[in-house]
Structures are given as structure tokens and as C-alpha cells.
Amino acid sequence: MNSLSEDSIQLVDLPDELILIIMNKVRPKVLLLCSIITIGNNRLEKLALDMRHSIDLTFDYFQSPNQFIILRFYTHVMPCIINNIQSLTLSI
């Protein structure tokens, strides 16, 4: 009998190209960045930070059921991506 770990594939087992395709599907990008930045996986973090296309950080912060995402984004993610930001628009 095969164990679950032998039959399952982890995200990090996939080639970079497939991981980037998956990352491009995640909306809003804030969730992607909060899920990957500073979790300790350098490969995933580098892929997320090296995405050369525009990163849309549009997110309805005030209607979010996950208020902790706002805090995590500003305290953990922003310091990591601050040098990569070309423009930032805040709508309040």
C-alpha cells in the first residue's frame, strides 16, 4: 500500500514554468505575495519576486474577511518588494 506522501506532488516538485503559470492565475496578487514571501522557501520567493510583468495589488482591504492579510502585507511583504515597486496607487 502506497502512502499518501509517495503519491502526492508538492508545488516545489514542479518545474519553474508550471509554478509561474500557477502564480499568474492567483488573484489578487496580494494573496500570492503574502503566501510566498518570507515563508522560508527561497525558490518560490525568487520566482514570485522575479515575475517581470506588472503585479496588480488591487485588493478590497476593507471588505476582506481576512484582515490579517493587510497586516502581513505591510509588515512582511512590503519590505521585501519595496525596491521592485515602480508605481503604487492607493484608493481609499
PDB file of N, CA and C in Angstrom:
ATOM      1  N   MET A   1       0.845  -1.181   0.000  1.00  0.00           N
ATOM      2  CA  MET A   1       0.000   0.000   0.000  1.00  0.00           C
ATOM      3  C   MET A   1       0.881   1.231   0.000  1.00  0.00           C
ATOM      4  N   ASN A   2       0.662   2.134  -0.952  1.00  0.00           N
ATOM      5  CA  ASN A   2       1.438   3.367  -1.045  1.00  0.00           C
ATOM      6  C   ASN A   2       0.933   4.385  -0.037  1.00  0.00           C
ATOM      7  N   SER A   3       1.867   5.079   0.556  1.00  0.00           N
ATOM      8  CA  SER A   3       1.462   6.133   1.479  1.00  0.00           C
ATOM      9  C   SER A   3       1.093   7.375   0.687  1.00  0.00           C
ATOM     10  N   LEU A   4       0.355   8.266   1.313  1.00  0.00           N
ATOM     11  CA  LEU A   4      -0.092   9.493   0.665  1.00  0.00           C
ATOM     12  C   LEU A   4       1.095  10.324   0.201  1.00  0.00           C
ATOM     13  N   SER A   5       2.165  10.381   0.983  1.00  0.00           N
ATOM     14  CA  SER A   5       3.311  11.199   0.616  1.00  0.00           C
ATOM     15  C   SER A   5       4.017  10.676  -0.632  1.00  0.00           C
ATOM     16  N   GLU A   6       3.943   9.381  -0.886  1.00  0.00           N
ATOM     17  CA  GLU A   6       4.565   8.814  -2.083  1.00  0.00           C
ATOM     18  C   GLU A   6       3.761   9.130  -3.342  1.00  0.00           C
ATOM     19  N   ASP A   7       2.461   9.321  -3.206  1.00  0.00           N
ATOM     20  CA  ASP A   7       1.593   9.546  -4.349  1.00  0.00           C
ATOM     21  C   ASP A   7       1.308  11.025  -4.610  1.00  0.00           C
ATOM     22  N   SER A   8       1.648  11.897  -3.700  1.00  0.00           N
ATOM     23  CA  SER A   8       1.314  13.309  -3.873  1.00  0.00           C
ATOM     24  C   SER A   8       2.501  14.082  -4.442  1.00  0.00           C
ATOM     25  N   ILE A   9       2.171  15.127  -5.147  1.00  0.00           N
ATOM     26  CA  ILE A   9       3.187  16.010  -5.712  1.00  0.00           C
ATOM     27  C   ILE A   9       3.075  17.347  -5.013  1.00  0.00           C
ATOM     28  N   GLN A  10       4.179  17.857  -4.557  1.00  0.00           N
ATOM     29  CA  GLN A  10       4.231  19.156  -3.905  1.00  0.00           C
ATOM     30  C   GLN A  10       4.443  20.239  -4.960  1.00  0.00           C
ATOM     31  N   LEU A  11       4.024  21.452  -4.660  1.00  0.00           N
ATOM     32  CA  LEU A  11       4.229  22.571  -5.567  1.00  0.00           C
ATOM     33  C   LEU A  11       5.703  22.720  -5.931  1.00  0.00           C
ATOM     34  N   VAL A  12       6.576  22.559  -4.959  1.00  0.00           N
ATOM     35  CA  VAL A  12       8.010  22.736  -5.209  1.00  0.00           C
ATOM     36  C   VAL A  12       8.605  21.620  -6.065  1.00  0.00           C
ATOM     37  N   ASP A  13       7.852  20.547  -6.297  1.00  0.00           N
ATOM     38  CA  ASP A  13       8.316  19.470  -7.174  1.00  0.00           C
ATOM     39  C   ASP A  13       8.137  19.814  -8.654  1.00  0.00           C
ATOM     40  N   LEU A  14       7.308  20.824  -8.941  1.00  0.00           N
ATOM     41  CA  LEU A  14       7.021  21.206 -10.315  1.00  0.00           C
ATOM     42  C   LEU A  14       8.151  22.041 -10.905  1.00  0.00           C
ATOM     43  N   PRO A  15       8.280  22.036 -12.235  1.00  0.00           N
ATOM     44  CA  PRO A  15       9.276  22.898 -12.867  1.00  0.00           C
ATOM     45  C   PRO A  15       8.866  24.372 -12.733  1.00  0.00           C
ATOM     46  N   ASP A  16       9.849  25.264 -12.804  1.00  0.00           N
ATOM     47  CA  ASP A  16       9.596  26.696 -12.643  1.00  0.00           C
ATOM     48  C   ASP A  16       8.500  27.209 -13.567  1.00  0.00           C
ATOM     49  N   GLU A  17       8.482  26.728 -14.811  1.00  0.00           N
ATOM     50  CA  GLU A  17       7.499  27.198 -15.782  1.00  0.00           C
ATOM     51  C   GLU A  17       6.069  26.926 -15.312  1.00  0.00           C
ATOM     52  N   LEU A  18       5.825  25.755 -14.754  1.00  0.00           N
ATOM     53  CA  LEU A  18       4.478  25.427 -14.262  1.00  0.00           C
ATOM     54  C   LEU A  18       4.134  26.243 -13.008  1.00  0.00           C
ATOM     55  N   ILE A  19       5.113  26.444 -12.149  1.00  0.00           N
ATOM     56  CA  ILE A  19       4.873  27.252 -10.947  1.00  0.00           C
ATOM     57  C   ILE A  19       4.504  28.676 -11.349  1.00  0.00           C
ATOM     58  N   LEU A  20       5.194  29.239 -12.339  1.00  0.00           N
ATOM     59  CA  LEU A  20       4.885  30.591 -12.798  1.00  0.00           C
ATOM     60  C   LEU A  20       3.488  30.677 -13.408  1.00  0.00           C
ATOM     61  N   ILE A  21       3.070  29.643 -14.123  1.00  0.00           N
ATOM     62  CA  ILE A  21       1.715  29.621 -14.679  1.00  0.00           C
ATOM     63  C   ILE A  21       0.688  29.642 -13.551  1.00  0.00           C
ATOM     64  N   ILE A  22       0.931  28.849 -12.531  1.00  0.00           N
ATOM     65  CA  ILE A  22       0.028  28.819 -11.372  1.00  0.00           C
ATOM     66  C   ILE A  22       0.023  30.172 -10.674  1.00  0.00           C
ATOM     67  N   MET A  23       1.200  30.763 -10.474  1.00  0.00           N
ATOM     68  CA  MET A  23       1.291  32.076  -9.817  1.00  0.00           C
ATOM     69  C   MET A  23       0.535  33.146 -10.591  1.00  0.00           C
ATOM     70  N   ASN A  24       0.569  33.072 -11.900  1.00  0.00           N
ATOM     71  CA  ASN A  24      -0.116  34.067 -12.728  1.00  0.00           C
ATOM     72  C   ASN A  24      -1.631  33.958 -12.641  1.00  0.00           C
ATOM     73  N   LYS A  25      -2.136  32.816 -12.193  1.00  0.00           N
ATOM     74  CA  LYS A  25      -3.580  32.611 -12.070  1.00  0.00           C
ATOM     75  C   LYS A  25      -4.141  33.119 -10.745  1.00  0.00           C
ATOM     76  N   VAL A  26      -3.274  33.325  -9.752  1.00  0.00           N
ATOM     77  CA  VAL A  26      -3.730  33.725  -8.414  1.00  0.00           C
ATOM     78  C   VAL A  26      -4.172  35.185  -8.435  1.00  0.00           C
ATOM     79  N   ARG A  27      -5.385  35.437  -7.990  1.00  0.00           N
ATOM     80  CA  ARG A  27      -5.921  36.787  -7.857  1.00  0.00           C
ATOM     81  C   ARG A  27      -6.552  36.915  -6.493  1.00  0.00           C
ATOM     82  N   PRO A  28      -6.378  37.970  -5.807  1.00  0.00           N
ATOM     83  CA  PRO A  28      -5.481  39.084  -6.054  1.00  0.00           C
ATOM     84  C   PRO A  28      -4.032  38.706  -5.760  1.00  0.00           C
ATOM     85  N   LYS A  29      -3.105  39.422  -6.379  1.00  0.00           N
ATOM     86  CA  LYS A  29      -1.673  39.143  -6.212  1.00  0.00           C
ATOM     87  C   LYS A  29      -1.223  39.317  -4.768  1.00  0.00           C
ATOM     88  N   VAL A  30      -1.934  40.125  -4.022  1.00  0.00           N
ATOM     89  CA  VAL A  30      -1.603  40.303  -2.603  1.00  0.00           C
ATOM     90  C   VAL A  30      -1.607  38.957  -1.892  1.00  0.00           C
ATOM     91  N   LEU A  31      -2.588  38.117  -2.210  1.00  0.00           N
ATOM     92  CA  LEU A  31      -2.665  36.795  -1.573  1.00  0.00           C
ATOM     93  C   LEU A  31      -1.472  35.936  -1.951  1.00  0.00           C
ATOM     94  N   LEU A  32      -1.076  35.997  -3.212  1.00  0.00           N
ATOM     95  CA  LEU A  32       0.095  35.240  -3.659  1.00  0.00           C
ATOM     96  C   LEU A  32       1.337  35.700  -2.911  1.00  0.00           C
ATOM     97  N   LEU A  33       1.569  37.006  -2.895  1.00  0.00           N
ATOM     98  CA  LEU A  33       2.767  37.532  -2.241  1.00  0.00           C
ATOM     99  C   LEU A  33       2.772  37.224  -0.744  1.00  0.00           C
ATOM    100  N   CYS A  34       1.626  37.371  -0.098  1.00  0.00           N
ATOM    101  CA  CYS A  34       1.550  37.071   1.343  1.00  0.00           C
ATOM    102  C   CYS A  34       1.753  35.589   1.630  1.00  0.00           C
ATOM    103  N   SER A  35       1.429  34.747   0.667  1.00  0.00           N
ATOM    104  CA  SER A  35       1.570  33.313   0.859  1.00  0.00           C
ATOM    105  C   SER A  35       2.978  32.811   0.598  1.00  0.00           C
ATOM    106  N   ILE A  36       3.762  33.560  -0.164  1.00  0.00           N
ATOM    107  CA  ILE A  36       5.074  33.078  -0.575  1.00  0.00           C
ATOM    108  C   ILE A  36       6.240  33.835   0.057  1.00  0.00           C
ATOM    109  N   ILE A  37       6.110  35.149   0.175  1.00  0.00           N
ATOM    110  CA  ILE A  37       7.215  35.956   0.698  1.00  0.00           C
ATOM    111  C   ILE A  37       7.422  35.656   2.178  1.00  0.00           C
ATOM    112  N   THR A  38       8.631  35.434   2.562  1.00  0.00           N
ATOM    113  CA  THR A  38       9.103  35.184   3.939  1.00  0.00           C
ATOM    114  C   THR A  38       8.610  33.877   4.556  1.00  0.00           C
ATOM    115  N   ILE A  39       8.237  32.880   3.734  1.00  0.00           N
ATOM    116  CA  ILE A  39       7.834  31.591   4.317  1.00  0.00           C
ATOM    117  C   ILE A  39       9.009  30.640   4.452  1.00  0.00           C
ATOM    118  N   GLY A  40      10.150  31.044   3.893  1.00  0.00           N
ATOM    119  CA  GLY A  40      11.336  30.219   4.036  1.00  0.00           C
ATOM    120  C   GLY A  40      11.689  29.386   2.826  1.00  0.00           C
ATOM    121  N   ASN A  41      10.912  29.499   1.740  1.00  0.00           N
ATOM    122  CA  ASN A  41      11.242  28.760   0.523  1.00  0.00           C
ATOM    123  C   ASN A  41      11.835  29.744  -0.475  1.00  0.00           C
ATOM    124  N   ASN A  42      13.163  29.760  -0.561  1.00  0.00           N
ATOM    125  CA  ASN A  42      13.862  30.735  -1.400  1.00  0.00           C
ATOM    126  C   ASN A  42      13.504  30.612  -2.875  1.00  0.00           C
ATOM    127  N   ARG A  43      13.288  29.397  -3.343  1.00  0.00           N
ATOM    128  CA  ARG A  43      12.957  29.197  -4.760  1.00  0.00           C
ATOM    129  C   ARG A  43      11.622  29.834  -5.111  1.00  0.00           C
ATOM    130  N   LEU A  44      10.582  29.575  -4.314  1.00  0.00           N
ATOM    131  CA  LEU A  44       9.271  30.156  -4.582  1.00  0.00           C
ATOM    132  C   LEU A  44       9.300  31.673  -4.430  1.00  0.00           C
ATOM    133  N   GLU A  45      10.010  32.155  -3.419  1.00  0.00           N
ATOM    134  CA  GLU A  45      10.106  33.598  -3.208  1.00  0.00           C
ATOM    135  C   GLU A  45      10.797  34.274  -4.393  1.00  0.00           C
ATOM    136  N   LYS A  46      11.876  33.674  -4.875  1.00  0.00           N
ATOM    137  CA  LYS A  46      12.590  34.249  -6.016  1.00  0.00           C
ATOM    138  C   LYS A  46      11.699  34.261  -7.252  1.00  0.00           C
ATOM    139  N   LEU A  47      10.954  33.193  -7.488  1.00  0.00           N
ATOM    140  CA  LEU A  47      10.034  33.159  -8.631  1.00  0.00           C
ATOM    141  C   LEU A  47       8.976  34.258  -8.519  1.00  0.00           C
ATOM    142  N   ALA A  48       8.439  34.448  -7.325  1.00  0.00           N
ATOM    143  CA  ALA A  48       7.415  35.477  -7.132  1.00  0.00           C
ATOM    144  C   ALA A  48       7.993  36.869  -7.340  1.00  0.00           C
ATOM    145  N   LEU A  49       9.196  37.103  -6.852  1.00  0.00           N
ATOM    146  CA  LEU A  49       9.812  38.423  -6.978  1.00  0.00           C
ATOM    147  C   LEU A  49      10.354  38.690  -8.373  1.00  0.00           C
ATOM    148  N   ASP A  50      10.697  37.643  -9.107  1.00  0.00           N
ATOM    149  CA  ASP A  50      11.269  37.808 -10.448  1.00  0.00           C
ATOM    150  C   ASP A  50      10.231  37.904 -11.551  1.00  0.00           C
ATOM    151  N   MET A  51       8.946  37.795 -11.204  1.00  0.00           N
ATOM    152  CA  MET A  51       7.924  37.909 -12.239  1.00  0.00           C
ATOM    153  C   MET A  51       8.030  39.307 -12.834  1.00  0.00           C
ATOM    154  N   ARG A  52       8.321  39.381 -14.123  1.00  0.00           N
ATOM    155  CA  ARG A  52       8.626  40.658 -14.766  1.00  0.00           C
ATOM    156  C   ARG A  52       7.394  41.436 -15.211  1.00  0.00           C
ATOM    157  N   HIS A  53       6.242  40.830 -15.210  1.00  0.00           N
ATOM    158  CA  HIS A  53       5.046  41.551 -15.613  1.00  0.00           C
ATOM    159  C   HIS A  53       4.548  42.412 -14.458  1.00  0.00           C
ATOM    160  N   SER A  54       3.639  43.264 -14.753  1.00  0.00           N
ATOM    161  CA  SER A  54       3.062  44.139 -13.745  1.00  0.00           C
ATOM    162  C   SER A  54       2.328  43.311 -12.689  1.00  0.00           C
ATOM    163  N   ILE A  55       2.514  43.657 -11.454  1.00  0.00           N
ATOM    164  CA  ILE A  55       1.820  42.980 -10.365  1.00  0.00           C
ATOM    165  C   ILE A  55       0.713  43.895  -9.875  1.00  0.00           C
ATOM    166  N   ASP A  56      -0.512  43.465 -10.059  1.00  0.00           N
ATOM    167  CA  ASP A  56      -1.669  44.248  -9.639  1.00  0.00           C
ATOM    168  C   ASP A  56      -1.949  43.960  -8.171  1.00  0.00           C
ATOM    169  N   LEU A  57      -1.789  44.970  -7.352  1.00  0.00           N
ATOM    170  CA  LEU A  57      -2.024  44.794  -5.923  1.00  0.00           C
ATOM    171  C   LEU A  57      -3.426  45.252  -5.516  1.00  0.00           C
ATOM    172  N   THR A  58      -4.324  45.355  -6.476  1.00  0.00           N
ATOM    173  CA  THR A  58      -5.696  45.747  -6.176  1.00  0.00           C
ATOM    174  C   THR A  58      -6.334  44.695  -5.278  1.00  0.00           C
ATOM    175  N   PHE A  59      -6.889  45.164  -4.209  1.00  0.00           N
ATOM    176  CA  PHE A  59      -7.460  44.255  -3.227  1.00  0.00           C
ATOM    177  C   PHE A  59      -8.418  45.054  -2.368  1.00  0.00           C
ATOM    178  N   ASP A  60      -9.609  44.582  -2.166  1.00  0.00           N
ATOM    179  CA  ASP A  60     -10.587  45.291  -1.351  1.00  0.00           C
ATOM    180  C   ASP A  60     -10.289  45.022   0.122  1.00  0.00           C
ATOM    181  N   TYR A  61      -9.371  45.797   0.649  1.00  0.00           N
ATOM    182  CA  TYR A  61      -8.892  45.578   2.017  1.00  0.00           C
ATOM    183  C   TYR A  61     -10.009  45.687   3.053  1.00  0.00           C
ATOM    184  N   PHE A  62     -10.885  46.647   2.865  1.00  0.00           N
ATOM    185  CA  PHE A  62     -11.899  46.909   3.882  1.00  0.00           C
ATOM    186  C   PHE A  62     -13.013  45.868   3.887  1.00  0.00           C
ATOM    187  N   GLN A  63     -13.212  45.186   2.783  1.00  0.00           N
ATOM    188  CA  GLN A  63     -14.236  44.154   2.698  1.00  0.00           C
ATOM    189  C   GLN A  63     -13.671  42.758   2.900  1.00  0.00           C
ATOM    190  N   SER A  64     -12.379  42.669   3.126  1.00  0.00           N
ATOM    191  CA  SER A  64     -11.724  41.373   3.244  1.00  0.00           C
ATOM    192  C   SER A  64     -12.115  40.670   4.542  1.00  0.00           C
ATOM    193  N   PRO A  65     -12.488  39.391   4.435  1.00  0.00           N
ATOM    194  CA  PRO A  65     -12.759  38.628   5.645  1.00  0.00           C
ATOM    195  C   PRO A  65     -11.458  38.256   6.368  1.00  0.00           C
ATOM    196  N   ASN A  66     -10.340  38.450   5.694  1.00  0.00           N
ATOM    197  CA  ASN A  66      -9.040  38.085   6.247  1.00  0.00           C
ATOM    198  C   ASN A  66      -8.218  39.342   6.559  1.00  0.00           C
ATOM    199  N   GLN A  67      -8.576  40.042   7.597  1.00  0.00           N
ATOM    200  CA  GLN A  67      -7.904  41.297   7.941  1.00  0.00           C
ATOM    201  C   GLN A  67      -6.417  41.106   8.233  1.00  0.00           C
ATOM    202  N   PHE A  68      -6.014  39.903   8.654  1.00  0.00           N
ATOM    203  CA  PHE A  68      -4.596  39.667   8.952  1.00  0.00           C
ATOM    204  C   PHE A  68      -3.731  39.798   7.708  1.00  0.00           C
ATOM    205  N   ILE A  69      -4.327  39.653   6.525  1.00  0.00           N
ATOM    206  CA  ILE A  69      -3.563  39.772   5.275  1.00  0.00           C
ATOM    207  C   ILE A  69      -3.033  41.195   5.122  1.00  0.00           C
ATOM    208  N   ILE A  70      -3.826  42.182   5.503  1.00  0.00           N
ATOM    209  CA  ILE A  70      -3.383  43.572   5.415  1.00  0.00           C
ATOM    210  C   ILE A  70      -2.136  43.763   6.258  1.00  0.00           C
ATOM    211  N   LEU A  71      -2.193  43.328   7.496  1.00  0.00           N
ATOM    212  CA  LEU A  71      -1.055  43.478   8.401  1.00  0.00           C
ATOM    213  C   LEU A  71       0.157  42.716   7.883  1.00  0.00           C
ATOM    214  N   ARG A  72      -0.033  41.504   7.459  1.00  0.00           N
ATOM    215  CA  ARG A  72       1.089  40.710   6.936  1.00  0.00           C
ATOM    216  C   ARG A  72       1.694  41.369   5.705  1.00  0.00           C
ATOM    217  N   PHE A  73       0.861  41.889   4.809  1.00  0.00           N
ATOM    218  CA  PHE A  73       1.363  42.526   3.600  1.00  0.00           C
ATOM    219  C   PHE A  73       2.257  43.720   3.950  1.00  0.00           C
ATOM    220  N   TYR A  74       1.779  44.580   4.824  1.00  0.00           N
ATOM    221  CA  TYR A  74       2.545  45.785   5.160  1.00  0.00           C
ATOM    222  C   TYR A  74       3.763  45.512   6.031  1.00  0.00           C
ATOM    223  N   THR A  75       3.709  44.501   6.878  1.00  0.00           N
ATOM    224  CA  THR A  75       4.834  44.256   7.782  1.00  0.00           C
ATOM    225  C   THR A  75       5.881  43.297   7.238  1.00  0.00           C
ATOM    226  N   HIS A  76       5.471  42.334   6.395  1.00  0.00           N
ATOM    227  CA  HIS A  76       6.410  41.323   5.916  1.00  0.00           C
ATOM    228  C   HIS A  76       6.706  41.405   4.418  1.00  0.00           C
ATOM    229  N   VAL A  77       5.663  41.656   3.624  1.00  0.00           N
ATOM    230  CA  VAL A  77       5.840  41.621   2.168  1.00  0.00           C
ATOM    231  C   VAL A  77       6.401  42.938   1.633  1.00  0.00           C
ATOM    232  N   MET A  78       5.814  44.064   2.026  1.00  0.00           N
ATOM    233  CA  MET A  78       6.274  45.358   1.506  1.00  0.00           C
ATOM    234  C   MET A  78       7.771  45.578   1.689  1.00  0.00           C
ATOM    235  N   PRO A  79       8.340  45.285   2.856  1.00  0.00           N
ATOM    236  CA  PRO A  79       9.793  45.492   2.986  1.00  0.00           C
ATOM    237  C   PRO A  79      10.609  44.640   2.006  1.00  0.00           C
ATOM    238  N   CYS A  80      10.085  43.500   1.588  1.00  0.00           N
ATOM    239  CA  CYS A  80      10.803  42.622   0.650  1.00  0.00           C
ATOM    240  C   CYS A  80      10.670  43.069  -0.800  1.00  0.00           C
ATOM    241  N   ILE A  81       9.577  43.737  -1.137  1.00  0.00           N
ATOM    242  CA  ILE A  81       9.350  44.108  -2.529  1.00  0.00           C
ATOM    243  C   ILE A  81       9.501  45.601  -2.788  1.00  0.00           C
ATOM    244  N   ILE A  82       9.800  46.373  -1.768  1.00  0.00           N
ATOM    245  CA  ILE A  82       9.819  47.835  -1.898  1.00  0.00           C
ATOM    246  C   ILE A  82      10.737  48.309  -3.027  1.00  0.00           C
ATOM    247  N   ASN A  83      11.860  47.660  -3.238  1.00  0.00           N
ATOM    248  CA  ASN A  83      12.787  48.070  -4.293  1.00  0.00           C
ATOM    249  C   ASN A  83      12.312  47.671  -5.687  1.00  0.00           C
ATOM    250  N   ASN A  84      11.315  46.802  -5.791  1.00  0.00           N
ATOM    251  CA  ASN A  84      10.783  46.357  -7.073  1.00  0.00           C
ATOM    252  C   ASN A  84       9.548  47.138  -7.508  1.00  0.00           C
ATOM    253  N   ILE A  85       9.035  47.985  -6.643  1.00  0.00           N
ATOM    254  CA  ILE A  85       7.799  48.720  -6.945  1.00  0.00           C
ATOM    255  C   ILE A  85       8.137  49.899  -7.852  1.00  0.00           C
ATOM    256  N   GLN A  86       7.474  49.933  -9.019  1.00  0.00           N
ATOM    257  CA  GLN A  86       7.673  51.049  -9.946  1.00  0.00           C
ATOM    258  C   GLN A  86       6.608  52.123  -9.751  1.00  0.00           C
ATOM    259  N   SER A  87       5.420  51.720  -9.376  1.00  0.00           N
ATOM    260  CA  SER A  87       4.378  52.685  -9.040  1.00  0.00           C
ATOM    261  C   SER A  87       3.404  52.032  -8.073  1.00  0.00           C
ATOM    262  N   LEU A  88       2.814  52.833  -7.238  1.00  0.00           N
ATOM    263  CA  LEU A  88       1.887  52.328  -6.233  1.00  0.00           C
ATOM    264  C   LEU A  88       0.717  53.289  -6.147  1.00  0.00           C
ATOM    265  N   THR A  89      -0.473  52.775  -6.311  1.00  0.00           N
ATOM    266  CA  THR A  89      -1.677  53.591  -6.222  1.00  0.00           C
ATOM    267  C   THR A  89      -2.535  53.048  -5.101  1.00  0.00           C
ATOM    268  N   LEU A  90      -2.916  53.925  -4.196  1.00  0.00           N
ATOM    269  CA  LEU A  90      -3.807  53.542  -3.103  1.00  0.00           C
ATOM    270  C   LEU A  90      -5.131  54.249  -3.287  1.00  0.00           C
ATOM    271  N   SER A  91      -6.204  53.512  -3.230  1.00  0.00           N
ATOM    272  CA  SER A  91      -7.550  54.087  -3.313  1.00  0.00           C
ATOM    273  C   SER A  91      -8.230  53.874  -1.980  1.00  0.00           C
ATOM    274  N   ILE A  92      -8.595  54.964  -1.357  1.00  0.00           N
ATOM    275  CA  ILE A  92      -9.250  54.853  -0.041  1.00  0.00           C
ATOM    276  C   ILE A  92     -10.652  55.414  -0.164  1.00  0.00           C
TER     277      ILE A  92
END
